[in-house]
Amino acid sequence: MRIVIPTNNKKGLEDTVAEHFGRASNFLIYDTETESFEIFPNPEVTGGKKFPPDFLYRQGVKAVIVFGLGTMAYKKFKNYNIKMYKAIQGTIAANLQKFEDGKLQELKEEDIDIF
């Protein structure tokens, strides 16, 4: 499974999760089967015209771990059947471990208002 986590740096798994999905500088995509990752610049932040959920869907992402995201991104991910999970404080590695342990809360539409 491919999981995306927004980040503002390029430190890999030891980096932290960016506070807001759409404003993150980069996206780290982790593949649970190969235990490898790639880092992509956020196409919106770098001046592109690609909407990040569309770009990430084309990358084969099936889940996203975030602190916050906007309503439009939430609806796009929902339409693509990409699951969304609430991030915890700590590293990307810690968030991935919690995800694999089934201990991250899945986001619902009513949760979006708190971000």
PDB file of N, CA and C in Angstrom:
ATOM      1  N   MET A   1       0.848  -1.182   0.000  1.00  0.00           N
ATOM      2  CA  MET A   1       0.000   0.000   0.000  1.00  0.00           C
ATOM      3  C   MET A   1       0.888   1.237   0.000  1.00  0.00           C
ATOM      4  N   ARG A   2       0.458   2.240  -0.746  1.00  0.00           N
ATOM      5  CA  ARG A   2       1.191   3.511  -0.789  1.00  0.00           C
ATOM      6  C   ARG A   2       0.461   4.530   0.083  1.00  0.00           C
ATOM      7  N   ILE A   3       1.220   5.130   1.007  1.00  0.00           N
ATOM      8  CA  ILE A   3       0.687   6.080   1.985  1.00  0.00           C
ATOM      9  C   ILE A   3       1.417   7.402   1.799  1.00  0.00           C
ATOM     10  N   VAL A   4       0.687   8.514   1.786  1.00  0.00           N
ATOM     11  CA  VAL A   4       1.316   9.826   1.659  1.00  0.00           C
ATOM     12  C   VAL A   4       1.231  10.579   2.981  1.00  0.00           C
ATOM     13  N   ILE A   5       2.325  11.287   3.282  1.00  0.00           N
ATOM     14  CA  ILE A   5       2.388  12.144   4.466  1.00  0.00           C
ATOM     15  C   ILE A   5       2.997  13.479   4.031  1.00  0.00           C
ATOM     16  N   PRO A   6       2.306  14.600   4.301  1.00  0.00           N
ATOM     17  CA  PRO A   6       2.858  15.906   3.939  1.00  0.00           C
ATOM     18  C   PRO A   6       3.992  16.297   4.884  1.00  0.00           C
ATOM     19  N   THR A   7       5.021  16.920   4.320  1.00  0.00           N
ATOM     20  CA  THR A   7       6.169  17.347   5.113  1.00  0.00           C
ATOM     21  C   THR A   7       6.742  18.632   4.527  1.00  0.00           C
ATOM     22  N   ASN A   8       7.482  19.361   5.328  1.00  0.00           N
ATOM     23  CA  ASN A   8       8.094  20.592   4.832  1.00  0.00           C
ATOM     24  C   ASN A   8       9.578  20.444   4.541  1.00  0.00           C
ATOM     25  N   ASN A   9      10.125  19.278   4.811  1.00  0.00           N
ATOM     26  CA  ASN A   9      11.550  19.046   4.595  1.00  0.00           C
ATOM     27  C   ASN A   9      11.747  17.798   3.751  1.00  0.00           C
ATOM     28  N   LYS A  10      12.999  17.398   3.614  1.00  0.00           N
ATOM     29  CA  LYS A  10      13.325  16.193   2.841  1.00  0.00           C
ATOM     30  C   LYS A  10      14.213  15.267   3.665  1.00  0.00           C
ATOM     31  N   LYS A  11      13.872  15.119   4.950  1.00  0.00           N
ATOM     32  CA  LYS A  11      14.669  14.296   5.860  1.00  0.00           C
ATOM     33  C   LYS A  11      14.224  12.839   5.882  1.00  0.00           C
ATOM     34  N   GLY A  12      13.251  12.493   5.081  1.00  0.00           N
ATOM     35  CA  GLY A  12      12.788  11.112   5.033  1.00  0.00           C
ATOM     36  C   GLY A  12      11.936  10.745   6.228  1.00  0.00           C
ATOM     37  N   LEU A  13      12.097   9.526   6.702  1.00  0.00           N
ATOM     38  CA  LEU A  13      11.244   9.004   7.765  1.00  0.00           C
ATOM     39  C   LEU A  13      11.449   9.704   9.099  1.00  0.00           C
ATOM     40  N   GLU A  14      12.568  10.384   9.275  1.00  0.00           N
ATOM     41  CA  GLU A  14      12.826  11.101  10.529  1.00  0.00           C
ATOM     42  C   GLU A  14      12.277  12.523  10.513  1.00  0.00           C
ATOM     43  N   ASP A  15      11.686  12.909   9.415  1.00  0.00           N
ATOM     44  CA  ASP A  15      11.052  14.224   9.316  1.00  0.00           C
ATOM     45  C   ASP A  15       9.741  14.220  10.098  1.00  0.00           C
ATOM     46  N   THR A  16       9.149  15.394  10.267  1.00  0.00           N
ATOM     47  CA  THR A  16       7.860  15.505  10.957  1.00  0.00           C
ATOM     48  C   THR A  16       6.754  15.779   9.938  1.00  0.00           C
ATOM     49  N   VAL A  17       5.529  15.571  10.367  1.00  0.00           N
ATOM     50  CA  VAL A  17       4.360  15.793   9.517  1.00  0.00           C
ATOM     51  C   VAL A  17       4.060  17.291   9.469  1.00  0.00           C
ATOM     52  N   ALA A  18       3.834  17.818   8.267  1.00  0.00           N
ATOM     53  CA  ALA A  18       3.471  19.232   8.113  1.00  0.00           C
ATOM     54  C   ALA A  18       2.106  19.482   8.741  1.00  0.00           C
ATOM     55  N   GLU A  19       1.903  20.686   9.239  1.00  0.00           N
ATOM     56  CA  GLU A  19       0.652  21.033   9.925  1.00  0.00           C
ATOM     57  C   GLU A  19      -0.572  21.011   9.016  1.00  0.00           C
ATOM     58  N   HIS A  20      -0.419  21.381   7.749  1.00  0.00           N
ATOM     59  CA  HIS A  20      -1.572  21.420   6.841  1.00  0.00           C
ATOM     60  C   HIS A  20      -1.187  20.795   5.504  1.00  0.00           C
ATOM     61  N   PHE A  21      -1.997  19.891   5.045  1.00  0.00           N
ATOM     62  CA  PHE A  21      -1.739  19.141   3.822  1.00  0.00           C
ATOM     63  C   PHE A  21      -1.425  20.041   2.625  1.00  0.00           C
ATOM     64  N   GLY A  22      -2.309  20.967   2.312  1.00  0.00           N
ATOM     65  CA  GLY A  22      -2.173  21.781   1.113  1.00  0.00           C
ATOM     66  C   GLY A  22      -1.030  22.775   1.135  1.00  0.00           C
ATOM     67  N   ARG A  23      -0.540  23.106   2.321  1.00  0.00           N
ATOM     68  CA  ARG A  23       0.546  24.085   2.439  1.00  0.00           C
ATOM     69  C   ARG A  23       1.913  23.429   2.614  1.00  0.00           C
ATOM     70  N   ALA A  24       1.946  22.111   2.643  1.00  0.00           N
ATOM     71  CA  ALA A  24       3.214  21.393   2.811  1.00  0.00           C
ATOM     72  C   ALA A  24       4.102  21.603   1.586  1.00  0.00           C
ATOM     73  N   SER A  25       5.404  21.659   1.806  1.00  0.00           N
ATOM     74  CA  SER A  25       6.347  21.812   0.700  1.00  0.00           C
ATOM     75  C   SER A  25       6.498  20.530  -0.105  1.00  0.00           C
ATOM     76  N   ASN A  26       6.389  19.392   0.594  1.00  0.00           N
ATOM     77  CA  ASN A  26       6.647  18.096  -0.037  1.00  0.00           C
ATOM     78  C   ASN A  26       5.661  17.043   0.434  1.00  0.00           C
ATOM     79  N   PHE A  27       5.613  15.958  -0.323  1.00  0.00           N
ATOM     80  CA  PHE A  27       4.843  14.776   0.060  1.00  0.00           C
ATOM     81  C   PHE A  27       5.778  13.575   0.066  1.00  0.00           C
ATOM     82  N   LEU A  28       5.799  12.873   1.186  1.00  0.00           N
ATOM     83  CA  LEU A  28       6.549  11.627   1.268  1.00  0.00           C
ATOM     84  C   LEU A  28       5.558  10.497   1.010  1.00  0.00           C
ATOM     85  N   ILE A  29       5.850   9.672   0.016  1.00  0.00           N
ATOM     86  CA  ILE A  29       5.006   8.514  -0.286  1.00  0.00           C
ATOM     87  C   ILE A  29       5.772   7.267   0.129  1.00  0.00           C
ATOM     88  N   TYR A  30       5.185   6.546   1.085  1.00  0.00           N
ATOM     89  CA  TYR A  30       5.796   5.331   1.634  1.00  0.00           C
ATOM     90  C   TYR A  30       5.067   4.116   1.083  1.00  0.00           C
ATOM     91  N   ASP A  31       5.832   3.127   0.636  1.00  0.00           N
ATOM     92  CA  ASP A  31       5.272   1.882   0.117  1.00  0.00           C
ATOM     93  C   ASP A  31       5.455   0.800   1.175  1.00  0.00           C
ATOM     94  N   THR A  32       4.346   0.302   1.721  1.00  0.00           N
ATOM     95  CA  THR A  32       4.425  -0.688   2.805  1.00  0.00           C
ATOM     96  C   THR A  32       4.945  -2.039   2.315  1.00  0.00           C
ATOM     97  N   GLU A  33       4.798  -2.340   1.031  1.00  0.00           N
ATOM     98  CA  GLU A  33       5.267  -3.622   0.507  1.00  0.00           C
ATOM     99  C   GLU A  33       6.780  -3.646   0.342  1.00  0.00           C
ATOM    100  N   THR A  34       7.349  -2.567  -0.167  1.00  0.00           N
ATOM    101  CA  THR A  34       8.796  -2.518  -0.400  1.00  0.00           C
ATOM    102  C   THR A  34       9.550  -1.841   0.744  1.00  0.00           C
ATOM    103  N   GLU A  35       8.799  -1.233   1.670  1.00  0.00           N
ATOM    104  CA  GLU A  35       9.371  -0.463   2.782  1.00  0.00           C
ATOM    105  C   GLU A  35      10.330   0.618   2.289  1.00  0.00           C
ATOM    106  N   SER A  36       9.947   1.239   1.173  1.00  0.00           N
ATOM    107  CA  SER A  36      10.747   2.322   0.606  1.00  0.00           C
ATOM    108  C   SER A  36       9.869   3.562   0.480  1.00  0.00           C
ATOM    109  N   PHE A  37      10.511   4.705   0.220  1.00  0.00           N
ATOM    110  CA  PHE A  37       9.744   5.941   0.075  1.00  0.00           C
ATOM    111  C   PHE A  37      10.336   6.823  -1.003  1.00  0.00           C
ATOM    112  N   GLU A  38       9.488   7.731  -1.484  1.00  0.00           N
ATOM    113  CA  GLU A  38       9.879   8.762  -2.432  1.00  0.00           C
ATOM    114  C   GLU A  38       9.365  10.086  -1.888  1.00  0.00           C
ATOM    115  N   ILE A  39      10.064  11.169  -2.205  1.00  0.00           N
ATOM    116  CA  ILE A  39       9.620  12.503  -1.801  1.00  0.00           C
ATOM    117  C   ILE A  39       9.359  13.315  -3.064  1.00  0.00           C
ATOM    118  N   PHE A  40       8.160  13.886  -3.130  1.00  0.00           N
ATOM    119  CA  PHE A  40       7.757  14.703  -4.269  1.00  0.00           C
ATOM    120  C   PHE A  40       7.456  16.117  -3.785  1.00  0.00           C
ATOM    121  N   PRO A  41       7.825  17.141  -4.554  1.00  0.00           N
ATOM    122  CA  PRO A  41       7.408  18.500  -4.192  1.00  0.00           C
ATOM    123  C   PRO A  41       5.902  18.641  -4.378  1.00  0.00           C
ATOM    124  N   ASN A  42       5.282  19.444  -3.529  1.00  0.00           N
ATOM    125  CA  ASN A  42       3.854  19.734  -3.658  1.00  0.00           C
ATOM    126  C   ASN A  42       3.669  20.538  -4.940  1.00  0.00           C
ATOM    127  N   PRO A  43       2.918  20.015  -5.920  1.00  0.00           N
ATOM    128  CA  PRO A  43       2.779  20.738  -7.188  1.00  0.00           C
ATOM    129  C   PRO A  43       2.120  22.105  -7.049  1.00  0.00           C
ATOM    130  N   GLU A  44       1.312  22.317  -6.027  1.00  0.00           N
ATOM    131  CA  GLU A  44       0.684  23.625  -5.833  1.00  0.00           C
ATOM    132  C   GLU A  44       1.669  24.634  -5.254  1.00  0.00           C
ATOM    133  N   VAL A  45       2.505  24.199  -4.337  1.00  0.00           N
ATOM    134  CA  VAL A  45       3.474  25.094  -3.707  1.00  0.00           C
ATOM    135  C   VAL A  45       4.567  25.485  -4.696  1.00  0.00           C
ATOM    136  N   THR A  46       4.915  24.575  -5.613  1.00  0.00           N
ATOM    137  CA  THR A  46       5.991  24.843  -6.563  1.00  0.00           C
ATOM    138  C   THR A  46       5.509  25.554  -7.825  1.00  0.00           C
ATOM    139  N   GLY A  47       4.286  26.052  -7.810  1.00  0.00           N
ATOM    140  CA  GLY A  47       3.784  26.848  -8.923  1.00  0.00           C
ATOM    141  C   GLY A  47       3.076  26.051  -9.999  1.00  0.00           C
ATOM    142  N   GLY A  48       2.884  24.775  -9.765  1.00  0.00           N
ATOM    143  CA  GLY A  48       2.198  23.936 -10.743  1.00  0.00           C
ATOM    144  C   GLY A  48       0.703  24.165 -10.732  1.00  0.00           C
ATOM    145  N   LYS A  49       0.041  23.537 -11.663  1.00  0.00           N
ATOM    146  CA  LYS A  49      -1.418  23.655 -11.764  1.00  0.00           C
ATOM    147  C   LYS A  49      -2.105  22.341 -11.415  1.00  0.00           C
ATOM    148  N   LYS A  50      -1.357  21.408 -10.839  1.00  0.00           N
ATOM    149  CA  LYS A  50      -1.935  20.119 -10.470  1.00  0.00           C
ATOM    150  C   LYS A  50      -2.495  20.198  -9.062  1.00  0.00           C
ATOM    151  N   PHE A  51      -3.702  19.721  -8.878  1.00  0.00           N
ATOM    152  CA  PHE A  51      -4.313  19.668  -7.557  1.00  0.00           C
ATOM    153  C   PHE A  51      -3.708  18.465  -6.836  1.00  0.00           C
ATOM    154  N   PRO A  52      -3.103  18.632  -5.657  1.00  0.00           N
ATOM    155  CA  PRO A  52      -2.393  17.530  -5.002  1.00  0.00           C
ATOM    156  C   PRO A  52      -3.158  16.206  -4.903  1.00  0.00           C
ATOM    157  N   PRO A  53      -4.458  16.171  -4.541  1.00  0.00           N
ATOM    158  CA  PRO A  53      -5.118  14.861  -4.499  1.00  0.00           C
ATOM    159  C   PRO A  53      -5.127  14.144  -5.854  1.00  0.00           C
ATOM    160  N   ASP A  54      -5.274  14.896  -6.945  1.00  0.00           N
ATOM    161  CA  ASP A  54      -5.242  14.283  -8.274  1.00  0.00           C
ATOM    162  C   ASP A  54      -3.860  13.694  -8.549  1.00  0.00           C
ATOM    163  N   PHE A  55      -2.829  14.467  -8.276  1.00  0.00           N
ATOM    164  CA  PHE A  55      -1.446  14.022  -8.459  1.00  0.00           C
ATOM    165  C   PHE A  55      -1.169  12.765  -7.632  1.00  0.00           C
ATOM    166  N   LEU A  56      -1.581  12.766  -6.371  1.00  0.00           N
ATOM    167  CA  LEU A  56      -1.311  11.632  -5.482  1.00  0.00           C
ATOM    168  C   LEU A  56      -2.103  10.395  -5.886  1.00  0.00           C
ATOM    169  N   TYR A  57      -3.309  10.579  -6.368  1.00  0.00           N
ATOM    170  CA  TYR A  57      -4.096   9.454  -6.880  1.00  0.00           C
ATOM    171  C   TYR A  57      -3.352   8.784  -8.035  1.00  0.00           C
ATOM    172  N   ARG A  58      -2.795   9.593  -8.934  1.00  0.00           N
ATOM    173  CA  ARG A  58      -2.038   9.042 -10.066  1.00  0.00           C
ATOM    174  C   ARG A  58      -0.764   8.333  -9.609  1.00  0.00           C
ATOM    175  N   GLN A  59      -0.289   8.649  -8.409  1.00  0.00           N
ATOM    176  CA  GLN A  59       0.887   7.971  -7.853  1.00  0.00           C
ATOM    177  C   GLN A  59       0.507   6.659  -7.163  1.00  0.00           C
ATOM    178  N   GLY A  60      -0.765   6.319  -7.130  1.00  0.00           N
ATOM    179  CA  GLY A  60      -1.215   5.061  -6.539  1.00  0.00           C
ATOM    180  C   GLY A  60      -1.413   5.095  -5.038  1.00  0.00           C
ATOM    181  N   VAL A  61      -1.541   6.294  -4.471  1.00  0.00           N
ATOM    182  CA  VAL A  61      -1.727   6.436  -3.023  1.00  0.00           C
ATOM    183  C   VAL A  61      -3.097   5.889  -2.607  1.00  0.00           C
ATOM    184  N   LYS A  62      -3.117   5.143  -1.491  1.00  0.00           N
ATOM    185  CA  LYS A  62      -4.362   4.568  -0.957  1.00  0.00           C
ATOM    186  C   LYS A  62      -4.735   5.141   0.407  1.00  0.00           C
ATOM    187  N   ALA A  63      -3.794   5.865   1.051  1.00  0.00           N
ATOM    188  CA  ALA A  63      -4.063   6.452   2.371  1.00  0.00           C
ATOM    189  C   ALA A  63      -3.221   7.710   2.537  1.00  0.00           C
ATOM    190  N   VAL A  64      -3.730   8.639   3.360  1.00  0.00           N
ATOM    191  CA  VAL A  64      -3.015   9.868   3.683  1.00  0.00           C
ATOM    192  C   VAL A  64      -3.067  10.053   5.197  1.00  0.00           C
ATOM    193  N   ILE A  65      -1.938  10.466   5.767  1.00  0.00           N
ATOM    194  CA  ILE A  65      -1.849  10.749   7.203  1.00  0.00           C
ATOM    195  C   ILE A  65      -1.588  12.241   7.338  1.00  0.00           C
ATOM    196  N   VAL A  66      -2.510  12.964   7.999  1.00  0.00           N
ATOM    197  CA  VAL A  66      -2.438  14.426   8.053  1.00  0.00           C
ATOM    198  C   VAL A  66      -2.867  14.963   9.413  1.00  0.00           C
ATOM    199  N   PHE A  67      -2.419  16.178   9.712  1.00  0.00           N
ATOM    200  CA  PHE A  67      -2.970  16.918  10.851  1.00  0.00           C
ATOM    201  C   PHE A  67      -4.216  17.669  10.409  1.00  0.00           C
ATOM    202  N   GLY A  68      -4.154  18.279   9.236  1.00  0.00           N
ATOM    203  CA  GLY A  68      -5.272  19.061   8.747  1.00  0.00           C
ATOM    204  C   GLY A  68      -5.279  19.131   7.238  1.00  0.00           C
ATOM    205  N   LEU A  69      -6.480  19.280   6.682  1.00  0.00           N
ATOM    206  CA  LEU A  69      -6.644  19.467   5.250  1.00  0.00           C
ATOM    207  C   LEU A  69      -7.971  20.162   5.013  1.00  0.00           C
ATOM    208  N   GLY A  70      -8.079  20.788   3.861  1.00  0.00           N
ATOM    209  CA  GLY A  70      -9.291  21.524   3.539  1.00  0.00           C
ATOM    210  C   GLY A  70     -10.417  20.631   3.049  1.00  0.00           C
ATOM    211  N   THR A  71     -11.593  21.221   2.957  1.00  0.00           N
ATOM    212  CA  THR A  71     -12.782  20.490   2.538  1.00  0.00           C
ATOM    213  C   THR A  71     -12.648  19.951   1.120  1.00  0.00           C
ATOM    214  N   MET A  72     -12.098  20.748   0.206  1.00  0.00           N
ATOM    215  CA  MET A  72     -11.956  20.286  -1.180  1.00  0.00           C
ATOM    216  C   MET A  72     -11.041  19.073  -1.267  1.00  0.00           C
ATOM    217  N   ALA A  73      -9.911  19.110  -0.562  1.00  0.00           N
ATOM    218  CA  ALA A  73      -8.993  17.967  -0.570  1.00  0.00           C
ATOM    219  C   ALA A  73      -9.667  16.750   0.050  1.00  0.00           C
ATOM    220  N   TYR A  74     -10.399  16.962   1.148  1.00  0.00           N
ATOM    221  CA  TYR A  74     -11.110  15.856   1.793  1.00  0.00           C
ATOM    222  C   TYR A  74     -12.063  15.188   0.797  1.00  0.00           C
ATOM    223  N   LYS A  75     -12.849  15.992   0.093  1.00  0.00           N
ATOM    224  CA  LYS A  75     -13.834  15.443  -0.845  1.00  0.00           C
ATOM    225  C   LYS A  75     -13.164  14.725  -2.011  1.00  0.00           C
ATOM    226  N   LYS A  76     -12.048  15.275  -2.501  1.00  0.00           N
ATOM    227  CA  LYS A  76     -11.313  14.619  -3.588  1.00  0.00           C
ATOM    228  C   LYS A  76     -10.791  13.260  -3.139  1.00  0.00           C
ATOM    229  N   PHE A  77     -10.159  13.225  -1.967  1.00  0.00           N
ATOM    230  CA  PHE A  77      -9.649  11.948  -1.463  1.00  0.00           C
ATOM    231  C   PHE A  77     -10.793  10.950  -1.293  1.00  0.00           C
ATOM    232  N   LYS A  78     -11.907  11.419  -0.765  1.00  0.00           N
ATOM    233  CA  LYS A  78     -13.080  10.555  -0.561  1.00  0.00           C
ATOM    234  C   LYS A  78     -13.556   9.991  -1.901  1.00  0.00           C
ATOM    235  N   ASN A  79     -13.631  10.847  -2.924  1.00  0.00           N
ATOM    236  CA  ASN A  79     -14.056  10.396  -4.257  1.00  0.00           C
ATOM    237  C   ASN A  79     -13.107   9.361  -4.845  1.00  0.00           C
ATOM    238  N   TYR A  80     -11.829   9.478  -4.526  1.00  0.00           N
ATOM    239  CA  TYR A  80     -10.824   8.531  -5.010  1.00  0.00           C
ATOM    240  C   TYR A  80     -10.700   7.297  -4.103  1.00  0.00           C
ATOM    241  N   ASN A  81     -11.522   7.221  -3.067  1.00  0.00           N
ATOM    242  CA  ASN A  81     -11.450   6.123  -2.084  1.00  0.00           C
ATOM    243  C   ASN A  81     -10.085   6.037  -1.405  1.00  0.00           C
ATOM    244  N   ILE A  82      -9.486   7.195  -1.168  1.00  0.00           N
ATOM    245  CA  ILE A  82      -8.231   7.275  -0.421  1.00  0.00           C
ATOM    246  C   ILE A  82      -8.592   7.559   1.031  1.00  0.00           C
ATOM    247  N   LYS A  83      -8.194   6.679   1.922  1.00  0.00           N
ATOM    248  CA  LYS A  83      -8.511   6.823   3.351  1.00  0.00           C
ATOM    249  C   LYS A  83      -7.645   7.923   3.955  1.00  0.00           C
ATOM    250  N   MET A  84      -8.210   8.659   4.909  1.00  0.00           N
ATOM    251  CA  MET A  84      -7.506   9.752   5.579  1.00  0.00           C
ATOM    252  C   MET A  84      -7.425   9.468   7.069  1.00  0.00           C
ATOM    253  N   TYR A  85      -6.235   9.671   7.639  1.00  0.00           N
ATOM    254  CA  TYR A  85      -5.998   9.384   9.051  1.00  0.00           C
ATOM    255  C   TYR A  85      -5.387  10.592   9.743  1.00  0.00           C
ATOM    256  N   LYS A  86      -5.734  10.769  11.010  1.00  0.00           N
ATOM    257  CA  LYS A  86      -5.224  11.872  11.835  1.00  0.00           C
ATOM    258  C   LYS A  86      -3.809  11.554  12.297  1.00  0.00           C
ATOM    259  N   ALA A  87      -2.872  12.434  11.980  1.00  0.00           N
ATOM    260  CA  ALA A  87      -1.474  12.265  12.378  1.00  0.00           C
ATOM    261  C   ALA A  87      -1.306  12.472  13.881  1.00  0.00           C
ATOM    262  N   ILE A  88      -0.211  11.933  14.401  1.00  0.00           N
ATOM    263  CA  ILE A  88       0.190  12.158  15.790  1.00  0.00           C
ATOM    264  C   ILE A  88       1.455  13.008  15.785  1.00  0.00           C
ATOM    265  N   GLN A  89       1.767  13.637  16.911  1.00  0.00           N
ATOM    266  CA  GLN A  89       3.024  14.373  17.032  1.00  0.00           C
ATOM    267  C   GLN A  89       4.173  13.375  16.965  1.00  0.00           C
ATOM    268  N   GLY A  90       5.233  13.755  16.300  1.00  0.00           N
ATOM    269  CA  GLY A  90       6.391  12.876  16.194  1.00  0.00           C
ATOM    270  C   GLY A  90       6.844  12.751  14.751  1.00  0.00           C
ATOM    271  N   THR A  91       7.681  11.773  14.510  1.00  0.00           N
ATOM    272  CA  THR A  91       8.264  11.593  13.185  1.00  0.00           C
ATOM    273  C   THR A  91       7.292  10.900  12.231  1.00  0.00           C
ATOM    274  N   ILE A  92       7.651  10.948  10.971  1.00  0.00           N
ATOM    275  CA  ILE A  92       6.888  10.202   9.971  1.00  0.00           C
ATOM    276  C   ILE A  92       6.966   8.717  10.285  1.00  0.00           C
ATOM    277  N   ALA A  93       8.145   8.243  10.695  1.00  0.00           N
ATOM    278  CA  ALA A  93       8.305   6.827  11.055  1.00  0.00           C
ATOM    279  C   ALA A  93       7.340   6.431  12.169  1.00  0.00           C
ATOM    280  N   ALA A  94       7.187   7.280  13.180  1.00  0.00           N
ATOM    281  CA  ALA A  94       6.270   6.986  14.293  1.00  0.00           C
ATOM    282  C   ALA A  94       4.828   6.926  13.803  1.00  0.00           C
ATOM    283  N   ASN A  95       4.465   7.815  12.889  1.00  0.00           N
ATOM    284  CA  ASN A  95       3.113   7.808  12.329  1.00  0.00           C
ATOM    285  C   ASN A  95       2.865   6.552  11.503  1.00  0.00           C
ATOM    286  N   LEU A  96       3.851   6.140  10.734  1.00  0.00           N
ATOM    287  CA  LEU A  96       3.700   4.918   9.941  1.00  0.00           C
ATOM    288  C   LEU A  96       3.558   3.696  10.838  1.00  0.00           C
ATOM    289  N   GLN A  97       4.306   3.671  11.941  1.00  0.00           N
ATOM    290  CA  GLN A  97       4.196   2.547  12.874  1.00  0.00           C
ATOM    291  C   GLN A  97       2.797   2.490  13.491  1.00  0.00           C
ATOM    292  N   LYS A  98       2.279   3.649  13.904  1.00  0.00           N
ATOM    293  CA  LYS A  98       0.919   3.700  14.462  1.00  0.00           C
ATOM    294  C   LYS A  98      -0.109   3.265  13.413  1.00  0.00           C
ATOM    295  N   PHE A  99       0.107   3.674  12.164  1.00  0.00           N
ATOM    296  CA  PHE A  99      -0.790   3.263  11.083  1.00  0.00           C
ATOM    297  C   PHE A  99      -0.773   1.744  10.936  1.00  0.00           C
ATOM    298  N   GLU A 100       0.420   1.176  10.874  1.00  0.00           N
ATOM    299  CA  GLU A 100       0.545  -0.274  10.714  1.00  0.00           C
ATOM    300  C   GLU A 100      -0.038  -1.029  11.903  1.00  0.00           C
ATOM    301  N   ASP A 101      -0.001  -0.421  13.083  1.00  0.00           N
ATOM    302  CA  ASP A 101      -0.581  -1.031  14.290  1.00  0.00           C
ATOM    303  C   ASP A 101      -2.092  -0.808  14.382  1.00  0.00           C
ATOM    304  N   GLY A 102      -2.657  -0.046  13.435  1.00  0.00           N
ATOM    305  CA  GLY A 102      -4.092   0.241  13.447  1.00  0.00           C
ATOM    306  C   GLY A 102      -4.503   1.224  14.526  1.00  0.00           C
ATOM    307  N   LYS A 103      -3.579   2.115  14.929  1.00  0.00           N
ATOM    308  CA  LYS A 103      -3.854   3.025  16.043  1.00  0.00           C
ATOM    309  C   LYS A 103      -4.043   4.486  15.642  1.00  0.00           C
ATOM    310  N   LEU A 104      -4.188   4.760  14.348  1.00  0.00           N
ATOM    311  CA  LEU A 104      -4.496   6.122  13.914  1.00  0.00           C
ATOM    312  C   LEU A 104      -5.992   6.230  13.653  1.00  0.00           C
ATOM    313  N   GLN A 105      -6.562   7.365  14.038  1.00  0.00           N
ATOM    314  CA  GLN A 105      -7.997   7.611  13.865  1.00  0.00           C
ATOM    315  C   GLN A 105      -8.289   7.994  12.419  1.00  0.00           C
ATOM    316  N   GLU A 106      -9.265   7.331  11.818  1.00  0.00           N
ATOM    317  CA  GLU A 106      -9.676   7.692  10.464  1.00  0.00           C
ATOM    318  C   GLU A 106     -10.489   8.986  10.521  1.00  0.00           C
ATOM    319  N   LEU A 107     -10.178   9.917   9.614  1.00  0.00           N
ATOM    320  CA  LEU A 107     -10.895  11.192   9.569  1.00  0.00           C
ATOM    321  C   LEU A 107     -12.245  11.019   8.903  1.00  0.00           C
ATOM    322  N   LYS A 108     -13.208  11.751   9.430  1.00  0.00           N
ATOM    323  CA  LYS A 108     -14.543  11.800   8.844  1.00  0.00           C
ATOM    324  C   LYS A 108     -14.839  13.258   8.496  1.00  0.00           C
ATOM    325  N   GLU A 109     -15.858  13.477   7.693  1.00  0.00           N
ATOM    326  CA  GLU A 109     -16.157  14.837   7.236  1.00  0.00           C
ATOM    327  C   GLU A 109     -16.377  15.798   8.394  1.00  0.00           C
ATOM    328  N   GLU A 110     -17.015  15.346   9.465  1.00  0.00           N
ATOM    329  CA  GLU A 110     -17.263  16.239  10.602  1.00  0.00           C
ATOM    330  C   GLU A 110     -15.967  16.646  11.316  1.00  0.00           C
ATOM    331  N   ASP A 111     -14.890  15.886  11.131  1.00  0.00           N
ATOM    332  CA  ASP A 111     -13.602  16.231  11.736  1.00  0.00           C
ATOM    333  C   ASP A 111     -12.931  17.408  11.038  1.00  0.00           C
ATOM    334  N   ILE A 112     -13.276  17.657   9.796  1.00  0.00           N
ATOM    335  CA  ILE A 112     -12.615  18.692   9.004  1.00  0.00           C
ATOM    336  C   ILE A 112     -12.838  20.077   9.598  1.00  0.00           C
ATOM    337  N   ASP A 113     -13.971  20.316  10.218  1.00  0.00           N
ATOM    338  CA  ASP A 113     -14.274  21.627  10.801  1.00  0.00           C
ATOM    339  C   ASP A 113     -13.300  22.036  11.896  1.00  0.00           C
ATOM    340  N   ILE A 114     -12.616  21.084  12.527  1.00  0.00           N
ATOM    341  CA  ILE A 114     -11.713  21.434  13.623  1.00  0.00           C
ATOM    342  C   ILE A 114     -10.347  21.888  13.137  1.00  0.00           C
ATOM    343  N   PHE A 115     -10.077  21.781  11.839  1.00  0.00           N
ATOM    344  CA  PHE A 115      -8.745  22.131  11.338  1.00  0.00           C
ATOM    345  C   PHE A 115      -8.681  23.571  10.923  1.00  0.00           C
TER     346      PHE A 115
END
